């Protein structure tokens, strides 16, 4: 039985799920600068950055679910993307 035409596309996650190391680095610099300014500002900035990242990570996980064969593959894929950062 021939494989579906999109079988190759389902083997690897799309490029937008790869880690954006530069963005996380800048987020860290912003949080550090906010904490150096004042602790309440640092806490607020950290909360805002986390609130921004959570929906993005959920979206990346949904993309991995669609491209992987199952939830376990997606979880490993999401963790593998994070661990591949230098």
C-alpha atoms as a PDB file:
ATOM      1  CA  UNK A   1       0.000   0.000   0.000  1.00  0.00           C
ATOM      2  CA  UNK A   2       1.540   3.359  -0.957  1.00  0.00           C
ATOM      3  CA  UNK A   3       2.202   5.942   1.725  1.00  0.00           C
ATOM      4  CA  UNK A   4       0.176   9.143   1.706  1.00  0.00           C
ATOM      5  CA  UNK A   5       1.661  12.116  -0.116  1.00  0.00           C
ATOM      6  CA  UNK A   6       2.212  14.013   3.128  1.00  0.00           C
ATOM      7  CA  UNK A   7       4.145  11.174   4.828  1.00  0.00           C
ATOM      8  CA  UNK A   8       7.460  12.959   4.352  1.00  0.00           C
ATOM      9  CA  UNK A   9       6.063  16.192   5.742  1.00  0.00           C
ATOM     10  CA  UNK A  10       4.853  14.356   8.852  1.00  0.00           C
ATOM     11  CA  UNK A  11       8.315  12.973   9.635  1.00  0.00           C
ATOM     12  CA  UNK A  12       9.822  16.213  10.950  1.00  0.00           C
ATOM     13  CA  UNK A  13       8.265  19.156  12.745  1.00  0.00           C
ATOM     14  CA  UNK A  14       7.968  22.436  10.877  1.00  0.00           C
ATOM     15  CA  UNK A  15      10.820  24.932  11.320  1.00  0.00           C
ATOM     16  CA  UNK A  16       8.787  27.304  13.496  1.00  0.00           C
ATOM     17  CA  UNK A  17       9.038  24.827  16.378  1.00  0.00           C
ATOM     18  CA  UNK A  18      12.809  25.082  16.531  1.00  0.00           C
ATOM     19  CA  UNK A  19      14.046  27.035  19.510  1.00  0.00           C
ATOM     20  CA  UNK A  20      14.545  30.729  19.076  1.00  0.00           C
ATOM     21  CA  UNK A  21      17.604  31.012  21.315  1.00  0.00           C
ATOM     22  CA  UNK A  22      18.094  34.671  20.580  1.00  0.00           C
ATOM     23  CA  UNK A  23      14.584  35.541  21.710  1.00  0.00           C
ATOM     24  CA  UNK A  24      14.932  33.659  24.999  1.00  0.00           C
ATOM     25  CA  UNK A  25      18.303  35.336  25.581  1.00  0.00           C
ATOM     26  CA  UNK A  26      16.788  38.786  25.064  1.00  0.00           C
ATOM     27  CA  UNK A  27      13.859  37.869  27.340  1.00  0.00           C
ATOM     28  CA  UNK A  28      16.400  36.978  30.033  1.00  0.00           C
ATOM     29  CA  UNK A  29      18.235  40.273  29.568  1.00  0.00           C
ATOM     30  CA  UNK A  30      14.968  42.195  29.857  1.00  0.00           C
ATOM     31  CA  UNK A  31      14.005  40.341  33.036  1.00  0.00           C
ATOM     32  CA  UNK A  32      17.480  40.890  34.532  1.00  0.00           C
ATOM     33  CA  UNK A  33      17.384  44.608  33.692  1.00  0.00           C
ATOM     34  CA  UNK A  34      13.939  44.898  35.244  1.00  0.00           C
ATOM     35  CA  UNK A  35      15.125  43.201  38.457  1.00  0.00           C
ATOM     36  CA  UNK A  36      18.142  45.519  38.593  1.00  0.00           C
ATOM     37  CA  UNK A  37      15.753  48.466  38.377  1.00  0.00           C
ATOM     38  CA  UNK A  38      13.402  47.204  41.091  1.00  0.00           C
ATOM     39  CA  UNK A  39      12.195  43.882  42.422  1.00  0.00           C
ATOM     40  CA  UNK A  40       8.479  44.571  41.811  1.00  0.00           C
ATOM     41  CA  UNK A  41       9.243  45.574  38.228  1.00  0.00           C
ATOM     42  CA  UNK A  42      11.318  42.402  37.793  1.00  0.00           C
ATOM     43  CA  UNK A  43       8.519  40.213  39.106  1.00  0.00           C
ATOM     44  CA  UNK A  44       5.975  41.914  36.858  1.00  0.00           C
ATOM     45  CA  UNK A  45       8.261  41.596  33.829  1.00  0.00           C
ATOM     46  CA  UNK A  46       8.931  37.912  34.525  1.00  0.00           C
ATOM     47  CA  UNK A  47       5.177  37.295  34.814  1.00  0.00           C
ATOM     48  CA  UNK A  48       4.507  39.074  31.518  1.00  0.00           C
ATOM     49  CA  UNK A  49       7.240  37.124  29.715  1.00  0.00           C
ATOM     50  CA  UNK A  50       5.906  33.826  31.081  1.00  0.00           C
ATOM     51  CA  UNK A  51       2.340  34.791  30.126  1.00  0.00           C
ATOM     52  CA  UNK A  52       3.603  35.496  26.612  1.00  0.00           C
ATOM     53  CA  UNK A  53       5.571  32.252  26.293  1.00  0.00           C
ATOM     54  CA  UNK A  54       2.913  29.793  27.512  1.00  0.00           C
ATOM     55  CA  UNK A  55       0.492  30.224  24.559  1.00  0.00           C
ATOM     56  CA  UNK A  56       3.429  30.093  22.150  1.00  0.00           C
ATOM     57  CA  UNK A  57       4.646  26.808  23.647  1.00  0.00           C
ATOM     58  CA  UNK A  58       1.127  25.354  23.551  1.00  0.00           C
ATOM     59  CA  UNK A  59       0.933  26.262  19.860  1.00  0.00           C
ATOM     60  CA  UNK A  60       4.308  24.645  19.177  1.00  0.00           C
ATOM     61  CA  UNK A  61       3.168  21.506  21.008  1.00  0.00           C
ATOM     62  CA  UNK A  62      -0.019  21.400  18.912  1.00  0.00           C
ATOM     63  CA  UNK A  63       2.089  21.612  15.748  1.00  0.00           C
ATOM     64  CA  UNK A  64       4.253  18.765  17.028  1.00  0.00           C
ATOM     65  CA  UNK A  65       1.139  16.706  17.778  1.00  0.00           C
ATOM     66  CA  UNK A  66       0.002  17.130  14.187  1.00  0.00           C
ATOM     67  CA  UNK A  67       3.408  16.264  12.730  1.00  0.00           C
ATOM     68  CA  UNK A  68       4.217  13.349  15.075  1.00  0.00           C
ATOM     69  CA  UNK A  69       2.594   9.928  15.268  1.00  0.00           C
ATOM     70  CA  UNK A  70       1.405  10.446  18.810  1.00  0.00           C
ATOM     71  CA  UNK A  71       1.554  12.499  21.961  1.00  0.00           C
ATOM     72  CA  UNK A  72       4.674  10.752  23.290  1.00  0.00           C
ATOM     73  CA  UNK A  73       6.581  11.590  20.096  1.00  0.00           C
ATOM     74  CA  UNK A  74       5.441  15.196  20.373  1.00  0.00           C
ATOM     75  CA  UNK A  75       6.556  15.460  23.997  1.00  0.00           C
ATOM     76  CA  UNK A  76       9.964  14.036  23.132  1.00  0.00           C
ATOM     77  CA  UNK A  77      10.153  16.337  20.114  1.00  0.00           C
ATOM     78  CA  UNK A  78       9.362  19.420  22.169  1.00  0.00           C
ATOM     79  CA  UNK A  79      11.950  18.505  24.777  1.00  0.00           C
ATOM     80  CA  UNK A  80      14.467  17.614  22.095  1.00  0.00           C
ATOM     81  CA  UNK A  81      14.058  21.049  20.535  1.00  0.00           C
ATOM     82  CA  UNK A  82      14.783  22.688  23.873  1.00  0.00           C
ATOM     83  CA  UNK A  83      17.827  20.503  24.561  1.00  0.00           C
ATOM     84  CA  UNK A  84      19.314  21.180  21.136  1.00  0.00           C
ATOM     85  CA  UNK A  85      20.004  24.781  22.077  1.00  0.00           C
ATOM     86  CA  UNK A  86      23.704  25.565  22.564  1.00  0.00           C
END
